[in-house]
Amino acid sequence: MTDKMSDSEIASELNGLSGWSRDGNVIKRTIVRKGFADAVDFVGRIVPLADSMDHHPDVRIFAYKRVEISISTHSVGALTRKDFDLARQIDSIQP
């Protein structure tokens, strides 16, 4: 089972990520893309990463070209290392 992270562990992990913030038991990031098609394409590139990790974020496209990503380990009801691993994978596909 995946272990819950302490507040200090979460803070440390967030320091290593750019643009991500904590909102309770979720880490979030909003990414502005070039346009709607680019936003949809970006979300499509998240899918294989999430599937390979068996860890799926909540994703919302809004305001034409903004992609909001929210990650939490729902089965644990808290943040885990798996959430930060996925965040880093998502960041790796940024142009």
PDB file of N, CA and C in Angstrom:
ATOM      1  N   MET A   1       0.836  -1.191   0.000  1.00  0.00           N
ATOM      2  CA  MET A   1       0.000   0.000   0.000  1.00  0.00           C
ATOM      3  C   MET A   1       0.876   1.246   0.000  1.00  0.00           C
ATOM      4  N   THR A   2       0.400   2.273  -0.654  1.00  0.00           N
ATOM      5  CA  THR A   2       1.131   3.520  -0.736  1.00  0.00           C
ATOM      6  C   THR A   2       0.934   4.306   0.552  1.00  0.00           C
ATOM      7  N   ASP A   3       2.030   4.835   1.091  1.00  0.00           N
ATOM      8  CA  ASP A   3       1.971   5.542   2.372  1.00  0.00           C
ATOM      9  C   ASP A   3       1.683   7.024   2.191  1.00  0.00           C
ATOM     10  N   LYS A   4       0.908   7.568   3.123  1.00  0.00           N
ATOM     11  CA  LYS A   4       0.654   9.006   3.165  1.00  0.00           C
ATOM     12  C   LYS A   4       1.965   9.725   3.460  1.00  0.00           C
ATOM     13  N   MET A   5       2.101  10.912   2.890  1.00  0.00           N
ATOM     14  CA  MET A   5       3.285  11.724   3.151  1.00  0.00           C
ATOM     15  C   MET A   5       2.996  12.724   4.259  1.00  0.00           C
ATOM     16  N   SER A   6       4.028  13.062   5.009  1.00  0.00           N
ATOM     17  CA  SER A   6       3.896  14.083   6.050  1.00  0.00           C
ATOM     18  C   SER A   6       3.898  15.472   5.394  1.00  0.00           C
ATOM     19  N   ASP A   7       3.463  16.472   6.146  1.00  0.00           N
ATOM     20  CA  ASP A   7       3.469  17.843   5.632  1.00  0.00           C
ATOM     21  C   ASP A   7       4.870  18.288   5.230  1.00  0.00           C
ATOM     22  N   SER A   8       5.868  17.906   6.007  1.00  0.00           N
ATOM     23  CA  SER A   8       7.238  18.314   5.675  1.00  0.00           C
ATOM     24  C   SER A   8       7.736  17.605   4.417  1.00  0.00           C
ATOM     25  N   GLU A   9       7.371  16.352   4.222  1.00  0.00           N
ATOM     26  CA  GLU A   9       7.752  15.633   3.000  1.00  0.00           C
ATOM     27  C   GLU A   9       7.085  16.266   1.776  1.00  0.00           C
ATOM     28  N   ILE A  10       5.818  16.641   1.933  1.00  0.00           N
ATOM     29  CA  ILE A  10       5.085  17.277   0.834  1.00  0.00           C
ATOM     30  C   ILE A  10       5.723  18.609   0.481  1.00  0.00           C
ATOM     31  N   ALA A  11       6.038  19.407   1.489  1.00  0.00           N
ATOM     32  CA  ALA A  11       6.676  20.704   1.252  1.00  0.00           C
ATOM     33  C   ALA A  11       8.008  20.534   0.536  1.00  0.00           C
ATOM     34  N   SER A  12       8.772  19.552   0.938  1.00  0.00           N
ATOM     35  CA  SER A  12      10.068  19.286   0.307  1.00  0.00           C
ATOM     36  C   SER A  12       9.894  18.900  -1.154  1.00  0.00           C
ATOM     37  N   GLU A  13       8.932  18.032  -1.440  1.00  0.00           N
ATOM     38  CA  GLU A  13       8.664  17.618  -2.816  1.00  0.00           C
ATOM     39  C   GLU A  13       8.198  18.803  -3.662  1.00  0.00           C
ATOM     40  N   LEU A  14       7.332  19.645  -3.110  1.00  0.00           N
ATOM     41  CA  LEU A  14       6.844  20.806  -3.853  1.00  0.00           C
ATOM     42  C   LEU A  14       7.965  21.781  -4.192  1.00  0.00           C
ATOM     43  N   ASN A  15       8.954  21.882  -3.311  1.00  0.00           N
ATOM     44  CA  ASN A  15      10.099  22.762  -3.587  1.00  0.00           C
ATOM     45  C   ASN A  15      10.853  22.334  -4.828  1.00  0.00           C
ATOM     46  N   GLY A  16      10.781  21.053  -5.161  1.00  0.00           N
ATOM     47  CA  GLY A  16      11.475  20.539  -6.335  1.00  0.00           C
ATOM     48  C   GLY A  16      10.658  20.600  -7.614  1.00  0.00           C
ATOM     49  N   LEU A  17       9.418  21.086  -7.521  1.00  0.00           N
ATOM     50  CA  LEU A  17       8.548  21.170  -8.689  1.00  0.00           C
ATOM     51  C   LEU A  17       8.218  22.627  -8.981  1.00  0.00           C
ATOM     52  N   SER A  18       8.180  22.981 -10.237  1.00  0.00           N
ATOM     53  CA  SER A  18       7.861  24.349 -10.633  1.00  0.00           C
ATOM     54  C   SER A  18       6.389  24.445 -11.042  1.00  0.00           C
ATOM     55  N   GLY A  19       5.671  25.378 -10.444  1.00  0.00           N
ATOM     56  CA  GLY A  19       4.300  25.638 -10.841  1.00  0.00           C
ATOM     57  C   GLY A  19       3.244  24.816 -10.128  1.00  0.00           C
ATOM     58  N   TRP A  20       3.640  23.863  -9.319  1.00  0.00           N
ATOM     59  CA  TRP A  20       2.697  23.017  -8.593  1.00  0.00           C
ATOM     60  C   TRP A  20       2.452  23.608  -7.212  1.00  0.00           C
ATOM     61  N   SER A  21       1.216  23.491  -6.731  1.00  0.00           N
ATOM     62  CA  SER A  21       0.885  23.961  -5.386  1.00  0.00           C
ATOM     63  C   SER A  21      -0.015  22.931  -4.710  1.00  0.00           C
ATOM     64  N   ARG A  22      -0.083  23.042  -3.415  1.00  0.00           N
ATOM     65  CA  ARG A  22      -0.903  22.112  -2.633  1.00  0.00           C
ATOM     66  C   ARG A  22      -2.247  22.749  -2.327  1.00  0.00           C
ATOM     67  N   ASP A  23      -3.291  21.949  -2.437  1.00  0.00           N
ATOM     68  CA  ASP A  23      -4.633  22.364  -2.056  1.00  0.00           C
ATOM     69  C   ASP A  23      -5.233  21.211  -1.258  1.00  0.00           C
ATOM     70  N   GLY A  24      -4.955  21.187   0.035  1.00  0.00           N
ATOM     71  CA  GLY A  24      -5.405  20.083   0.884  1.00  0.00           C
ATOM     72  C   GLY A  24      -4.682  18.799   0.537  1.00  0.00           C
ATOM     73  N   ASN A  25      -5.425  17.793   0.105  1.00  0.00           N
ATOM     74  CA  ASN A  25      -4.844  16.492  -0.245  1.00  0.00           C
ATOM     75  C   ASN A  25      -4.600  16.352  -1.744  1.00  0.00           C
ATOM     76  N   VAL A  26      -4.400  17.486  -2.416  1.00  0.00           N
ATOM     77  CA  VAL A  26      -4.222  17.505  -3.863  1.00  0.00           C
ATOM     78  C   VAL A  26      -3.052  18.423  -4.207  1.00  0.00           C
ATOM     79  N   ILE A  27      -2.299  18.055  -5.245  1.00  0.00           N
ATOM     80  CA  ILE A  27      -1.364  19.002  -5.830  1.00  0.00           C
ATOM     81  C   ILE A  27      -1.937  19.404  -7.186  1.00  0.00           C
ATOM     82  N   LYS A  28      -1.776  20.685  -7.525  1.00  0.00           N
ATOM     83  CA  LYS A  28      -2.392  21.234  -8.736  1.00  0.00           C
ATOM     84  C   LYS A  28      -1.393  22.078  -9.521  1.00  0.00           C
ATOM     85  N   ARG A  29      -1.683  22.136 -10.810  1.00  0.00           N
ATOM     86  CA  ARG A  29      -0.925  23.029 -11.681  1.00  0.00           C
ATOM     87  C   ARG A  29      -1.819  23.416 -12.840  1.00  0.00           C
ATOM     88  N   THR A  30      -1.769  24.675 -13.234  1.00  0.00           N
ATOM     89  CA  THR A  30      -2.457  25.130 -14.439  1.00  0.00           C
ATOM     90  C   THR A  30      -1.394  25.506 -15.453  1.00  0.00           C
ATOM     91  N   ILE A  31      -1.530  24.939 -16.641  1.00  0.00           N
ATOM     92  CA  ILE A  31      -0.564  25.142 -17.714  1.00  0.00           C
ATOM     93  C   ILE A  31      -1.280  25.824 -18.869  1.00  0.00           C
ATOM     94  N   VAL A  32      -0.704  26.908 -19.371  1.00  0.00           N
ATOM     95  CA  VAL A  32      -1.271  27.622 -20.502  1.00  0.00           C
ATOM     96  C   VAL A  32      -0.610  27.112 -21.773  1.00  0.00           C
ATOM     97  N   ARG A  33      -1.439  26.654 -22.706  1.00  0.00           N
ATOM     98  CA  ARG A  33      -0.948  26.123 -23.977  1.00  0.00           C
ATOM     99  C   ARG A  33      -1.155  27.171 -25.079  1.00  0.00           C
ATOM    100  N   LYS A  34      -0.766  26.852 -26.301  1.00  0.00           N
ATOM    101  CA  LYS A  34      -0.857  27.796 -27.423  1.00  0.00           C
ATOM    102  C   LYS A  34      -2.292  28.043 -27.868  1.00  0.00           C
ATOM    103  N   GLY A  35      -3.147  27.067 -27.721  1.00  0.00           N
ATOM    104  CA  GLY A  35      -4.540  27.169 -28.126  1.00  0.00           C
ATOM    105  C   GLY A  35      -5.283  25.923 -27.705  1.00  0.00           C
ATOM    106  N   PHE A  36      -6.559  25.836 -28.112  1.00  0.00           N
ATOM    107  CA  PHE A  36      -7.385  24.716 -27.694  1.00  0.00           C
ATOM    108  C   PHE A  36      -6.846  23.381 -28.204  1.00  0.00           C
ATOM    109  N   ALA A  37      -6.494  23.312 -29.484  1.00  0.00           N
ATOM    110  CA  ALA A  37      -5.986  22.050 -30.043  1.00  0.00           C
ATOM    111  C   ALA A  37      -4.710  21.614 -29.321  1.00  0.00           C
ATOM    112  N   ASP A  38      -3.844  22.561 -28.997  1.00  0.00           N
ATOM    113  CA  ASP A  38      -2.610  22.232 -28.284  1.00  0.00           C
ATOM    114  C   ASP A  38      -2.917  21.752 -26.864  1.00  0.00           C
ATOM    115  N   ALA A  39      -3.929  22.346 -26.227  1.00  0.00           N
ATOM    116  CA  ALA A  39      -4.328  21.909 -24.885  1.00  0.00           C
ATOM    117  C   ALA A  39      -4.841  20.468 -24.919  1.00  0.00           C
ATOM    118  N   VAL A  40      -5.662  20.162 -25.917  1.00  0.00           N
ATOM    119  CA  VAL A  40      -6.187  18.804 -26.056  1.00  0.00           C
ATOM    120  C   VAL A  40      -5.057  17.822 -26.341  1.00  0.00           C
ATOM    121  N   ASP A  41      -4.132  18.203 -27.217  1.00  0.00           N
ATOM    122  CA  ASP A  41      -2.980  17.348 -27.530  1.00  0.00           C
ATOM    123  C   ASP A  41      -2.144  17.085 -26.279  1.00  0.00           C
ATOM    124  N   PHE A  42      -1.930  18.113 -25.483  1.00  0.00           N
ATOM    125  CA  PHE A  42      -1.156  17.967 -24.248  1.00  0.00           C
ATOM    126  C   PHE A  42      -1.819  16.965 -23.305  1.00  0.00           C
ATOM    127  N   VAL A  43      -3.128  17.079 -23.139  1.00  0.00           N
ATOM    128  CA  VAL A  43      -3.856  16.132 -22.287  1.00  0.00           C
ATOM    129  C   VAL A  43      -3.699  14.719 -22.851  1.00  0.00           C
ATOM    130  N   GLY A  44      -3.753  14.581 -24.166  1.00  0.00           N
ATOM    131  CA  GLY A  44      -3.570  13.267 -24.791  1.00  0.00           C
ATOM    132  C   GLY A  44      -2.206  12.665 -24.508  1.00  0.00           C
ATOM    133  N   ARG A  45      -1.194  13.517 -24.318  1.00  0.00           N
ATOM    134  CA  ARG A  45       0.139  13.010 -23.997  1.00  0.00           C
ATOM    135  C   ARG A  45       0.270  12.620 -22.528  1.00  0.00           C
ATOM    136  N   ILE A  46      -0.635  13.103 -21.692  1.00  0.00           N
ATOM    137  CA  ILE A  46      -0.647  12.699 -20.283  1.00  0.00           C
ATOM    138  C   ILE A  46      -1.202  11.280 -20.140  1.00  0.00           C
ATOM    139  N   VAL A  47      -2.131  10.908 -20.996  1.00  0.00           N
ATOM    140  CA  VAL A  47      -2.840   9.631 -20.887  1.00  0.00           C
ATOM    141  C   VAL A  47      -1.900   8.423 -20.794  1.00  0.00           C
ATOM    142  N   PRO A  48      -0.936   8.251 -21.720  1.00  0.00           N
ATOM    143  CA  PRO A  48      -0.089   7.060 -21.607  1.00  0.00           C
ATOM    144  C   PRO A  48       0.778   7.056 -20.345  1.00  0.00           C
ATOM    145  N   LEU A  49       1.197   8.231 -19.891  1.00  0.00           N
ATOM    146  CA  LEU A  49       1.971   8.306 -18.645  1.00  0.00           C
ATOM    147  C   LEU A  49       1.120   7.829 -17.472  1.00  0.00           C
ATOM    148  N   ALA A  50      -0.094   8.364 -17.388  1.00  0.00           N
ATOM    149  CA  ALA A  50      -0.989   8.006 -16.291  1.00  0.00           C
ATOM    150  C   ALA A  50      -1.349   6.521 -16.345  1.00  0.00           C
ATOM    151  N   ASP A  51      -1.629   6.026 -17.552  1.00  0.00           N
ATOM    152  CA  ASP A  51      -1.972   4.607 -17.678  1.00  0.00           C
ATOM    153  C   ASP A  51      -0.813   3.708 -17.286  1.00  0.00           C
ATOM    154  N   SER A  52       0.409   4.084 -17.684  1.00  0.00           N
ATOM    155  CA  SER A  52       1.569   3.241 -17.370  1.00  0.00           C
ATOM    156  C   SER A  52       1.838   3.190 -15.864  1.00  0.00           C
ATOM    157  N   MET A  53       1.460   4.267 -15.157  1.00  0.00           N
ATOM    158  CA  MET A  53       1.646   4.317 -13.710  1.00  0.00           C
ATOM    159  C   MET A  53       0.404   3.815 -12.959  1.00  0.00           C
ATOM    160  N   ASP A  54      -0.680   3.564 -13.687  1.00  0.00           N
ATOM    161  CA  ASP A  54      -1.970   3.234 -13.091  1.00  0.00           C
ATOM    162  C   ASP A  54      -2.334   4.272 -12.027  1.00  0.00           C
ATOM    163  N   HIS A  55      -2.172   5.538 -12.416  1.00  0.00           N
ATOM    164  CA  HIS A  55      -2.423   6.664 -11.513  1.00  0.00           C
ATOM    165  C   HIS A  55      -2.943   7.808 -12.372  1.00  0.00           C
ATOM    166  N   HIS A  56      -4.203   8.161 -12.201  1.00  0.00           N
ATOM    167  CA  HIS A  56      -4.872   9.056 -13.135  1.00  0.00           C
ATOM    168  C   HIS A  56      -5.252  10.385 -12.488  1.00  0.00           C
ATOM    169  N   PRO A  57      -4.775  11.483 -13.061  1.00  0.00           N
ATOM    170  CA  PRO A  57      -5.092  12.797 -12.512  1.00  0.00           C
ATOM    171  C   PRO A  57      -6.477  13.257 -12.955  1.00  0.00           C
ATOM    172  N   ASP A  58      -6.997  14.245 -12.270  1.00  0.00           N
ATOM    173  CA  ASP A  58      -8.170  14.967 -12.750  1.00  0.00           C
ATOM    174  C   ASP A  58      -7.636  16.065 -13.670  1.00  0.00           C
ATOM    175  N   VAL A  59      -8.235  16.196 -14.845  1.00  0.00           N
ATOM    176  CA  VAL A  59      -7.763  17.152 -15.842  1.00  0.00           C
ATOM    177  C   VAL A  59      -8.955  17.967 -16.323  1.00  0.00           C
ATOM    178  N   ARG A  60      -8.733  19.274 -16.452  1.00  0.00           N
ATOM    179  CA  ARG A  60      -9.789  20.166 -16.924  1.00  0.00           C
ATOM    180  C   ARG A  60      -9.185  21.156 -17.909  1.00  0.00           C
ATOM    181  N   ILE A  61      -9.813  21.272 -19.067  1.00  0.00           N
ATOM    182  CA  ILE A  61      -9.434  22.308 -20.026  1.00  0.00           C
ATOM    183  C   ILE A  61     -10.458  23.426 -19.871  1.00  0.00           C
ATOM    184  N   PHE A  62      -9.962  24.640 -19.681  1.00  0.00           N
ATOM    185  CA  PHE A  62     -10.867  25.773 -19.523  1.00  0.00           C
ATOM    186  C   PHE A  62     -10.243  27.013 -20.148  1.00  0.00           C
ATOM    187  N   ALA A  63     -11.066  28.028 -20.352  1.00  0.00           N
ATOM    188  CA  ALA A  63     -10.622  29.298 -20.923  1.00  0.00           C
ATOM    189  C   ALA A  63      -9.794  29.077 -22.193  1.00  0.00           C
ATOM    190  N   TYR A  64     -10.272  28.161 -23.033  1.00  0.00           N
ATOM    191  CA  TYR A  64      -9.733  27.937 -24.369  1.00  0.00           C
ATOM    192  C   TYR A  64      -8.412  27.176 -24.416  1.00  0.00           C
ATOM    193  N   LYS A  65      -7.457  27.572 -23.582  1.00  0.00           N
ATOM    194  CA  LYS A  65      -6.124  26.976 -23.715  1.00  0.00           C
ATOM    195  C   LYS A  65      -5.434  26.666 -22.391  1.00  0.00           C
ATOM    196  N   ARG A  66      -6.176  26.674 -21.331  1.00  0.00           N
ATOM    197  CA  ARG A  66      -5.603  26.401 -20.017  1.00  0.00           C
ATOM    198  C   ARG A  66      -5.952  24.974 -19.598  1.00  0.00           C
ATOM    199  N   VAL A  67      -4.936  24.276 -19.087  1.00  0.00           N
ATOM    200  CA  VAL A  67      -5.119  22.893 -18.630  1.00  0.00           C
ATOM    201  C   VAL A  67      -4.812  22.855 -17.141  1.00  0.00           C
ATOM    202  N   GLU A  68      -5.819  22.488 -16.348  1.00  0.00           N
ATOM    203  CA  GLU A  68      -5.633  22.346 -14.911  1.00  0.00           C
ATOM    204  C   GLU A  68      -5.491  20.860 -14.602  1.00  0.00           C
ATOM    205  N   ILE A  69      -4.422  20.520 -13.900  1.00  0.00           N
ATOM    206  CA  ILE A  69      -4.147  19.134 -13.523  1.00  0.00           C
ATOM    207  C   ILE A  69      -4.176  19.051 -11.999  1.00  0.00           C
ATOM    208  N   SER A  70      -4.954  18.116 -11.482  1.00  0.00           N
ATOM    209  CA  SER A  70      -5.041  17.874 -10.038  1.00  0.00           C
ATOM    210  C   SER A  70      -4.690  16.416  -9.792  1.00  0.00           C
ATOM    211  N   ILE A  71      -3.781  16.196  -8.842  1.00  0.00           N
ATOM    212  CA  ILE A  71      -3.317  14.841  -8.563  1.00  0.00           C
ATOM    213  C   ILE A  71      -3.438  14.550  -7.069  1.00  0.00           C
ATOM    214  N   SER A  72      -3.974  13.378  -6.757  1.00  0.00           N
ATOM    215  CA  SER A  72      -4.062  12.892  -5.386  1.00  0.00           C
ATOM    216  C   SER A  72      -4.207  11.373  -5.445  1.00  0.00           C
ATOM    217  N   THR A  73      -3.808  10.719  -4.397  1.00  0.00           N
ATOM    218  CA  THR A  73      -4.013   9.276  -4.318  1.00  0.00           C
ATOM    219  C   THR A  73      -5.346   9.055  -3.615  1.00  0.00           C
ATOM    220  N   HIS A  74      -6.404   8.949  -4.421  1.00  0.00           N
ATOM    221  CA  HIS A  74      -7.759   8.857  -3.895  1.00  0.00           C
ATOM    222  C   HIS A  74      -7.951   7.642  -2.987  1.00  0.00           C
ATOM    223  N   SER A  75      -7.301   6.535  -3.330  1.00  0.00           N
ATOM    224  CA  SER A  75      -7.475   5.307  -2.534  1.00  0.00           C
ATOM    225  C   SER A  75      -6.916   5.454  -1.121  1.00  0.00           C
ATOM    226  N   VAL A  76      -5.989   6.378  -0.937  1.00  0.00           N
ATOM    227  CA  VAL A  76      -5.392   6.613   0.374  1.00  0.00           C
ATOM    228  C   VAL A  76      -6.024   7.838   1.040  1.00  0.00           C
ATOM    229  N   GLY A  77      -6.607   8.719   0.226  1.00  0.00           N
ATOM    230  CA  GLY A  77      -7.202   9.940   0.752  1.00  0.00           C
ATOM    231  C   GLY A  77      -6.168  10.956   1.176  1.00  0.00           C
ATOM    232  N   ALA A  78      -5.011  10.899   0.532  1.00  0.00           N
ATOM    233  CA  ALA A  78      -3.906  11.783   0.896  1.00  0.00           C
ATOM    234  C   ALA A  78      -2.911  11.841  -0.248  1.00  0.00           C
ATOM    235  N   LEU A  79      -1.913  12.681  -0.070  1.00  0.00           N
ATOM    236  CA  LEU A  79      -0.818  12.741  -1.041  1.00  0.00           C
ATOM    237  C   LEU A  79       0.205  11.664  -0.730  1.00  0.00           C
ATOM    238  N   THR A  80       0.732  11.067  -1.799  1.00  0.00           N
ATOM    239  CA  THR A  80       1.761  10.030  -1.685  1.00  0.00           C
ATOM    240  C   THR A  80       2.870  10.335  -2.690  1.00  0.00           C
ATOM    241  N   ARG A  81       3.955   9.614  -2.590  1.00  0.00           N
ATOM    242  CA  ARG A  81       5.068   9.797  -3.534  1.00  0.00           C
ATOM    243  C   ARG A  81       4.624   9.570  -4.980  1.00  0.00           C
ATOM    244  N   LYS A  82       3.642   8.706  -5.148  1.00  0.00           N
ATOM    245  CA  LYS A  82       3.122   8.415  -6.483  1.00  0.00           C
ATOM    246  C   LYS A  82       2.590   9.692  -7.158  1.00  0.00           C
ATOM    247  N   ASP A  83       1.998  10.585  -6.378  1.00  0.00           N
ATOM    248  CA  ASP A  83       1.477  11.841  -6.920  1.00  0.00           C
ATOM    249  C   ASP A  83       2.604  12.707  -7.457  1.00  0.00           C
ATOM    250  N   PHE A  84       3.678  12.783  -6.719  1.00  0.00           N
ATOM    251  CA  PHE A  84       4.809  13.608  -7.149  1.00  0.00           C
ATOM    252  C   PHE A  84       5.557  12.971  -8.306  1.00  0.00           C
ATOM    253  N   ASP A  85       5.602  11.653  -8.345  1.00  0.00           N
ATOM    254  CA  ASP A  85       6.203  10.957  -9.496  1.00  0.00           C
ATOM    255  C   ASP A  85       5.428  11.278 -10.767  1.00  0.00           C
ATOM    256  N   LEU A  86       4.100  11.270 -10.682  1.00  0.00           N
ATOM    257  CA  LEU A  86       3.287  11.599 -11.852  1.00  0.00           C
ATOM    258  C   LEU A  86       3.465  13.064 -12.241  1.00  0.00           C
ATOM    259  N   ALA A  87       3.522  13.949 -11.277  1.00  0.00           N
ATOM    260  CA  ALA A  87       3.734  15.373 -11.574  1.00  0.00           C
ATOM    261  C   ALA A  87       5.038  15.576 -12.342  1.00  0.00           C
ATOM    262  N   ARG A  88       6.094  14.902 -11.909  1.00  0.00           N
ATOM    263  CA  ARG A  88       7.384  15.014 -12.614  1.00  0.00           C
ATOM    264  C   ARG A  88       7.283  14.455 -14.041  1.00  0.00           C
ATOM    265  N   GLN A  89       6.553  13.348 -14.205  1.00  0.00           N
ATOM    266  CA  GLN A  89       6.362  12.782 -15.543  1.00  0.00           C
ATOM    267  C   GLN A  89       5.605  13.755 -16.437  1.00  0.00           C
ATOM    268  N   ILE A  90       4.578  14.390 -15.904  1.00  0.00           N
ATOM    269  CA  ILE A  90       3.815  15.380 -16.675  1.00  0.00           C
ATOM    270  C   ILE A  90       4.715  16.546 -17.050  1.00  0.00           C
ATOM    271  N   ASP A  91       5.511  17.015 -16.098  1.00  0.00           N
ATOM    272  CA  ASP A  91       6.437  18.128 -16.389  1.00  0.00           C
ATOM    273  C   ASP A  91       7.432  17.757 -17.486  1.00  0.00           C
ATOM    274  N   SER A  92       7.777  16.483 -17.593  1.00  0.00           N
ATOM    275  CA  SER A  92       8.768  16.066 -18.583  1.00  0.00           C
ATOM    276  C   SER A  92       8.239  16.178 -20.022  1.00  0.00           C
ATOM    277  N   ILE A  93       6.925  16.272 -20.200  1.00  0.00           N
ATOM    278  CA  ILE A  93       6.385  16.397 -21.566  1.00  0.00           C
ATOM    279  C   ILE A  93       6.112  17.849 -21.945  1.00  0.00           C
ATOM    280  N   GLN A  94       6.446  18.771 -21.078  1.00  0.00           N
ATOM    281  CA  GLN A  94       6.290  20.178 -21.383  1.00  0.00           C
ATOM    282  C   GLN A  94       7.306  20.610 -22.440  1.00  0.00           C
ATOM    283  N   PRO A  95       6.855  21.370 -23.443  1.00  0.00           N
ATOM    284  CA  PRO A  95       7.852  21.897 -24.410  1.00  0.00           C
ATOM    285  C   PRO A  95       8.607  23.073 -23.842  1.00  0.00           C
TER     286      PRO A  95
END
